[in-house]
Amino acid sequence: MNKIVTNLRKFIHPAPTSPSRKTSKVNVMVWTFVFMTLLWSLEYQWSLSDKIHRFVSVLHNVLSEFKPTISKNVSDVKLFLWTRKSPLKYFVLSPWDVAGLSISNYNRNKPTKILIHGFSDHGLTSWVKKFKKKYLDLDDMNVISVEWKELARSPWYTSAAKNSR
């Protein structure tokens, strides 16, 4: 029994494969609860079908409490614009606001670089700021970061992947 518990703990809390690996606290809590329930059911002398039934019912109850809170609203997307005129303060653009673009420091005669963050990240993350600084040091250009964090929330990867299309 101790060997089973040790192996399950390794599965629930695996060693990080890289320093950048992020583990969702919700995922760890859910899987810890599910496997602890499985272990608890294994301790009793129930039939295999009773154990499976108990495990599936607990799993269903736990997972039904977690509702996706990820947005699917495209209006939650923002664009952050930096130029050499405003390298530290960004201008917030709306993708459909042409008037906002005309009052910003955007210059259509300059090159434009677009930075898009990934799953469970945001448009002002450290790597975006580093790239923005490097681009503006390199040349006078428009640097735009696409902020879609409301559509890319963890732990709902499949919904975020669909939202990225």
C-alpha atoms as a PDB file:
ATOM      1  CA  MET A   1       0.000   0.000   0.000  1.00  0.00           C
ATOM      2  CA  ASN A   2       2.876   2.407   0.787  1.00  0.00           C
ATOM      3  CA  LYS A   3       4.301   1.878  -2.692  1.00  0.00           C
ATOM      4  CA  ILE A   4       0.935   2.827  -4.246  1.00  0.00           C
ATOM      5  CA  VAL A   5       0.749   6.005  -2.128  1.00  0.00           C
ATOM      6  CA  THR A   6       4.343   6.955  -3.067  1.00  0.00           C
ATOM      7  CA  ASN A   7       3.671   6.461  -6.786  1.00  0.00           C
ATOM      8  CA  LEU A   8       0.429   8.448  -6.616  1.00  0.00           C
ATOM      9  CA  ARG A   9       2.194  11.305  -4.806  1.00  0.00           C
ATOM     10  CA  LYS A  10       4.814  11.376  -7.574  1.00  0.00           C
ATOM     11  CA  PHE A  11       1.992  11.514 -10.131  1.00  0.00           C
ATOM     12  CA  ILE A  12       0.131  14.264  -8.277  1.00  0.00           C
ATOM     13  CA  HIS A  13       3.244  16.364  -7.570  1.00  0.00           C
ATOM     14  CA  PRO A  14       5.725  15.544 -10.354  1.00  0.00           C
ATOM     15  CA  ALA A  15       9.171  17.074 -10.366  1.00  0.00           C
ATOM     16  CA  PRO A  16       9.258  20.179 -12.590  1.00  0.00           C
ATOM     17  CA  THR A  17      10.648  19.515 -16.050  1.00  0.00           C
ATOM     18  CA  SER A  18      11.802  23.123 -16.415  1.00  0.00           C
ATOM     19  CA  PRO A  19      12.001  26.224 -14.213  1.00  0.00           C
ATOM     20  CA  SER A  20       9.172  27.866 -16.166  1.00  0.00           C
ATOM     21  CA  ARG A  21       6.641  25.083 -15.527  1.00  0.00           C
ATOM     22  CA  LYS A  22       3.483  26.367 -13.853  1.00  0.00           C
ATOM     23  CA  THR A  23       1.128  24.032 -12.019  1.00  0.00           C
ATOM     24  CA  SER A  24      -2.394  25.204 -11.420  1.00  0.00           C
ATOM     25  CA  LYS A  25      -3.320  25.061  -7.736  1.00  0.00           C
ATOM     26  CA  VAL A  26      -6.845  24.096  -8.732  1.00  0.00           C
ATOM     27  CA  ASN A  27      -5.583  21.126 -10.768  1.00  0.00           C
ATOM     28  CA  VAL A  28      -3.362  19.936  -7.916  1.00  0.00           C
ATOM     29  CA  MET A  29      -6.210  20.244  -5.407  1.00  0.00           C
ATOM     30  CA  VAL A  30      -8.663  18.370  -7.639  1.00  0.00           C
ATOM     31  CA  TRP A  31      -6.303  15.526  -8.457  1.00  0.00           C
ATOM     32  CA  THR A  32      -5.111  15.267  -4.864  1.00  0.00           C
ATOM     33  CA  PHE A  33      -8.699  14.946  -3.681  1.00  0.00           C
ATOM     34  CA  VAL A  34      -9.592  12.445  -6.396  1.00  0.00           C
ATOM     35  CA  PHE A  35      -6.596  10.190  -5.741  1.00  0.00           C
ATOM     36  CA  MET A  36      -6.941  10.409  -1.979  1.00  0.00           C
ATOM     37  CA  THR A  37     -10.570   9.301  -2.412  1.00  0.00           C
ATOM     38  CA  LEU A  38      -9.372   6.447  -4.618  1.00  0.00           C
ATOM     39  CA  LEU A  39      -6.854   5.396  -1.968  1.00  0.00           C
ATOM     40  CA  TRP A  40      -9.521   5.599   0.724  1.00  0.00           C
ATOM     41  CA  SER A  41     -11.840   3.370  -1.300  1.00  0.00           C
ATOM     42  CA  LEU A  42      -9.016   0.848  -1.883  1.00  0.00           C
ATOM     43  CA  GLU A  43      -8.544   0.413   1.872  1.00  0.00           C
ATOM     44  CA  TYR A  44     -12.013  -1.067   2.314  1.00  0.00           C
ATOM     45  CA  GLN A  45     -12.876  -4.591   1.300  1.00  0.00           C
ATOM     46  CA  TRP A  46     -15.451  -3.535  -1.263  1.00  0.00           C
ATOM     47  CA  SER A  47     -15.924  -5.310  -4.533  1.00  0.00           C
ATOM     48  CA  LEU A  48     -14.119  -3.882  -7.542  1.00  0.00           C
ATOM     49  CA  SER A  49     -17.365  -2.616  -9.067  1.00  0.00           C
ATOM     50  CA  ASP A  50     -18.229  -0.783  -5.796  1.00  0.00           C
ATOM     51  CA  LYS A  51     -14.776   0.806  -5.756  1.00  0.00           C
ATOM     52  CA  ILE A  52     -15.074   1.928  -9.369  1.00  0.00           C
ATOM     53  CA  HIS A  53     -18.601   3.231  -8.788  1.00  0.00           C
ATOM     54  CA  ARG A  54     -17.459   5.181  -5.698  1.00  0.00           C
ATOM     55  CA  PHE A  55     -14.444   6.627  -7.520  1.00  0.00           C
ATOM     56  CA  VAL A  56     -16.452   7.717 -10.566  1.00  0.00           C
ATOM     57  CA  SER A  57     -19.195   9.303  -8.451  1.00  0.00           C
ATOM     58  CA  VAL A  58     -16.662  11.280  -6.379  1.00  0.00           C
ATOM     59  CA  LEU A  59     -14.799  12.338  -9.522  1.00  0.00           C
ATOM     60  CA  HIS A  60     -18.060  13.493 -11.119  1.00  0.00           C
ATOM     61  CA  ASN A  61     -19.063  15.463  -8.004  1.00  0.00           C
ATOM     62  CA  VAL A  62     -15.680  17.182  -7.722  1.00  0.00           C
ATOM     63  CA  LEU A  63     -15.382  18.087 -11.404  1.00  0.00           C
ATOM     64  CA  SER A  64     -18.972  19.336 -11.634  1.00  0.00           C
ATOM     65  CA  GLU A  65     -18.105  22.089  -9.120  1.00  0.00           C
ATOM     66  CA  PHE A  66     -15.531  23.610 -11.488  1.00  0.00           C
ATOM     67  CA  LYS A  67     -17.280  25.719 -14.095  1.00  0.00           C
ATOM     68  CA  PRO A  68     -15.215  27.372 -16.809  1.00  0.00           C
ATOM     69  CA  THR A  69     -14.916  31.075 -16.046  1.00  0.00           C
ATOM     70  CA  ILE A  70     -13.118  31.887 -19.253  1.00  0.00           C
ATOM     71  CA  SER A  71     -14.435  34.672 -21.449  1.00  0.00           C
ATOM     72  CA  LYS A  72     -15.448  34.126 -25.050  1.00  0.00           C
ATOM     73  CA  ASN A  73     -16.155  37.802 -25.622  1.00  0.00           C
ATOM     74  CA  VAL A  74     -13.881  39.265 -28.302  1.00  0.00           C
ATOM     75  CA  SER A  75     -14.444  42.744 -26.856  1.00  0.00           C
ATOM     76  CA  ASP A  76     -12.219  41.672 -23.925  1.00  0.00           C
ATOM     77  CA  VAL A  77      -9.219  41.884 -26.281  1.00  0.00           C
ATOM     78  CA  LYS A  78      -7.112  45.033 -25.861  1.00  0.00           C
ATOM     79  CA  LEU A  79      -4.100  46.302 -27.733  1.00  0.00           C
ATOM     80  CA  PHE A  80      -1.238  48.062 -25.936  1.00  0.00           C
ATOM     81  CA  LEU A  81       0.769  50.445 -28.120  1.00  0.00           C
ATOM     82  CA  TRP A  82       4.264  51.740 -27.378  1.00  0.00           C
ATOM     83  CA  THR A  83       6.363  54.036 -29.555  1.00  0.00           C
ATOM     84  CA  ARG A  84       9.609  55.924 -29.046  1.00  0.00           C
ATOM     85  CA  LYS A  85       7.487  58.941 -28.094  1.00  0.00           C
ATOM     86  CA  SER A  86       5.972  56.894 -25.246  1.00  0.00           C
ATOM     87  CA  PRO A  87       8.313  53.981 -24.462  1.00  0.00           C
ATOM     88  CA  LEU A  88       7.245  53.626 -20.800  1.00  0.00           C
ATOM     89  CA  LYS A  89       3.534  54.380 -20.957  1.00  0.00           C
ATOM     90  CA  TYR A  90       1.370  52.353 -23.307  1.00  0.00           C
ATOM     91  CA  PHE A  91      -1.731  53.574 -25.096  1.00  0.00           C
ATOM     92  CA  VAL A  92      -4.725  51.225 -24.890  1.00  0.00           C
ATOM     93  CA  LEU A  93      -6.321  50.623 -28.274  1.00  0.00           C
ATOM     94  CA  SER A  94      -9.523  48.815 -29.000  1.00  0.00           C
ATOM     95  CA  PRO A  95      -9.297  46.599 -32.081  1.00  0.00           C
ATOM     96  CA  TRP A  96     -12.337  48.323 -33.628  1.00  0.00           C
ATOM     97  CA  ASP A  97     -11.687  51.912 -32.507  1.00  0.00           C
ATOM     98  CA  VAL A  98     -10.246  53.787 -35.487  1.00  0.00           C
ATOM     99  CA  ALA A  99     -10.659  57.149 -33.707  1.00  0.00           C
ATOM    100  CA  GLY A 100      -8.525  55.922 -30.811  1.00  0.00           C
ATOM    101  CA  LEU A 101      -5.798  54.936 -33.246  1.00  0.00           C
ATOM    102  CA  SER A 102      -5.736  58.448 -34.733  1.00  0.00           C
ATOM    103  CA  ILE A 103      -5.212  60.135 -31.326  1.00  0.00           C
ATOM    104  CA  SER A 104      -2.491  57.690 -30.250  1.00  0.00           C
ATOM    105  CA  ASN A 105       1.195  57.918 -31.154  1.00  0.00           C
ATOM    106  CA  TYR A 106       0.729  55.259 -33.844  1.00  0.00           C
ATOM    107  CA  ASN A 107       2.557  56.161 -37.049  1.00  0.00           C
ATOM    108  CA  ARG A 108       1.553  54.104 -40.063  1.00  0.00           C
ATOM    109  CA  ASN A 109       4.776  55.081 -41.850  1.00  0.00           C
ATOM    110  CA  LYS A 110       6.841  53.258 -39.217  1.00  0.00           C
ATOM    111  CA  PRO A 111       7.261  49.479 -38.981  1.00  0.00           C
ATOM    112  CA  THR A 112       4.916  47.697 -36.571  1.00  0.00           C
ATOM    113  CA  LYS A 113       5.791  44.708 -34.393  1.00  0.00           C
ATOM    114  CA  ILE A 114       2.971  42.713 -32.804  1.00  0.00           C
ATOM    115  CA  LEU A 115       3.549  40.632 -29.662  1.00  0.00           C
ATOM    116  CA  ILE A 116       0.962  38.030 -28.655  1.00  0.00           C
ATOM    117  CA  HIS A 117       1.150  36.223 -25.312  1.00  0.00           C
ATOM    118  CA  GLY A 118       0.162  32.601 -24.880  1.00  0.00           C
ATOM    119  CA  PHE A 119      -2.048  30.532 -22.622  1.00  0.00           C
ATOM    120  CA  SER A 120      -2.405  31.690 -19.000  1.00  0.00           C
ATOM    121  CA  ASP A 121      -0.346  34.833 -19.586  1.00  0.00           C
ATOM    122  CA  HIS A 122      -1.057  38.526 -20.144  1.00  0.00           C
ATOM    123  CA  GLY A 123      -0.072  41.366 -22.463  1.00  0.00           C
ATOM    124  CA  LEU A 124       2.199  43.112 -19.953  1.00  0.00           C
ATOM    125  CA  THR A 125       4.272  40.091 -18.980  1.00  0.00           C
ATOM    126  CA  SER A 126       8.024  40.510 -18.517  1.00  0.00           C
ATOM    127  CA  TRP A 127       9.010  39.011 -21.867  1.00  0.00           C
ATOM    128  CA  VAL A 128       6.652  41.421 -23.684  1.00  0.00           C
ATOM    129  CA  LYS A 129       8.264  44.390 -21.915  1.00  0.00           C
ATOM    130  CA  LYS A 130      11.756  43.108 -22.756  1.00  0.00           C
ATOM    131  CA  PHE A 131      10.904  42.626 -26.443  1.00  0.00           C
ATOM    132  CA  LYS A 132       9.210  46.039 -26.544  1.00  0.00           C
ATOM    133  CA  LYS A 133      12.316  47.702 -25.113  1.00  0.00           C
ATOM    134  CA  LYS A 134      14.650  45.890 -27.521  1.00  0.00           C
ATOM    135  CA  TYR A 135      12.499  46.791 -30.530  1.00  0.00           C
ATOM    136  CA  LEU A 136      12.282  50.467 -29.546  1.00  0.00           C
ATOM    137  CA  ASP A 137      16.039  50.594 -28.872  1.00  0.00           C
ATOM    138  CA  LEU A 138      16.633  49.067 -32.302  1.00  0.00           C
ATOM    139  CA  ASP A 139      14.441  51.433 -34.358  1.00  0.00           C
ATOM    140  CA  ASP A 140      11.638  53.969 -34.179  1.00  0.00           C
ATOM    141  CA  MET A 141       8.603  51.736 -34.609  1.00  0.00           C
ATOM    142  CA  ASN A 142       5.160  50.846 -33.293  1.00  0.00           C
ATOM    143  CA  VAL A 143       5.112  47.950 -30.834  1.00  0.00           C
ATOM    144  CA  ILE A 144       1.699  46.455 -30.102  1.00  0.00           C
ATOM    145  CA  SER A 145       0.972  43.816 -27.475  1.00  0.00           C
ATOM    146  CA  VAL A 146      -2.272  41.873 -27.822  1.00  0.00           C
ATOM    147  CA  GLU A 147      -3.925  41.508 -24.407  1.00  0.00           C
ATOM    148  CA  TRP A 148      -6.320  38.554 -24.435  1.00  0.00           C
ATOM    149  CA  LYS A 149      -5.814  37.239 -20.899  1.00  0.00           C
ATOM    150  CA  GLU A 150      -9.563  36.962 -20.217  1.00  0.00           C
ATOM    151  CA  LEU A 151      -9.804  34.548 -23.148  1.00  0.00           C
ATOM    152  CA  ALA A 152      -6.618  32.634 -22.216  1.00  0.00           C
ATOM    153  CA  ARG A 153      -7.228  31.800 -18.552  1.00  0.00           C
ATOM    154  CA  SER A 154      -5.876  28.756 -16.791  1.00  0.00           C
ATOM    155  CA  PRO A 155      -6.826  25.910 -16.338  1.00  0.00           C
ATOM    156  CA  TRP A 156      -9.185  25.938 -19.365  1.00  0.00           C
ATOM    157  CA  TYR A 157      -6.604  25.265 -22.095  1.00  0.00           C
ATOM    158  CA  THR A 158      -8.984  23.840 -24.704  1.00  0.00           C
ATOM    159  CA  SER A 159     -11.295  26.875 -24.418  1.00  0.00           C
ATOM    160  CA  ALA A 160      -8.301  29.220 -24.646  1.00  0.00           C
ATOM    161  CA  ALA A 161      -7.037  27.362 -27.733  1.00  0.00           C
ATOM    162  CA  LYS A 162     -10.437  27.767 -29.400  1.00  0.00           C
ATOM    163  CA  ASN A 163     -10.473  31.481 -28.454  1.00  0.00           C
ATOM    164  CA  SER A 164      -7.091  32.030 -30.097  1.00  0.00           C
ATOM    165  CA  ARG A 165      -8.463  31.338 -33.562  1.00  0.00           C
END
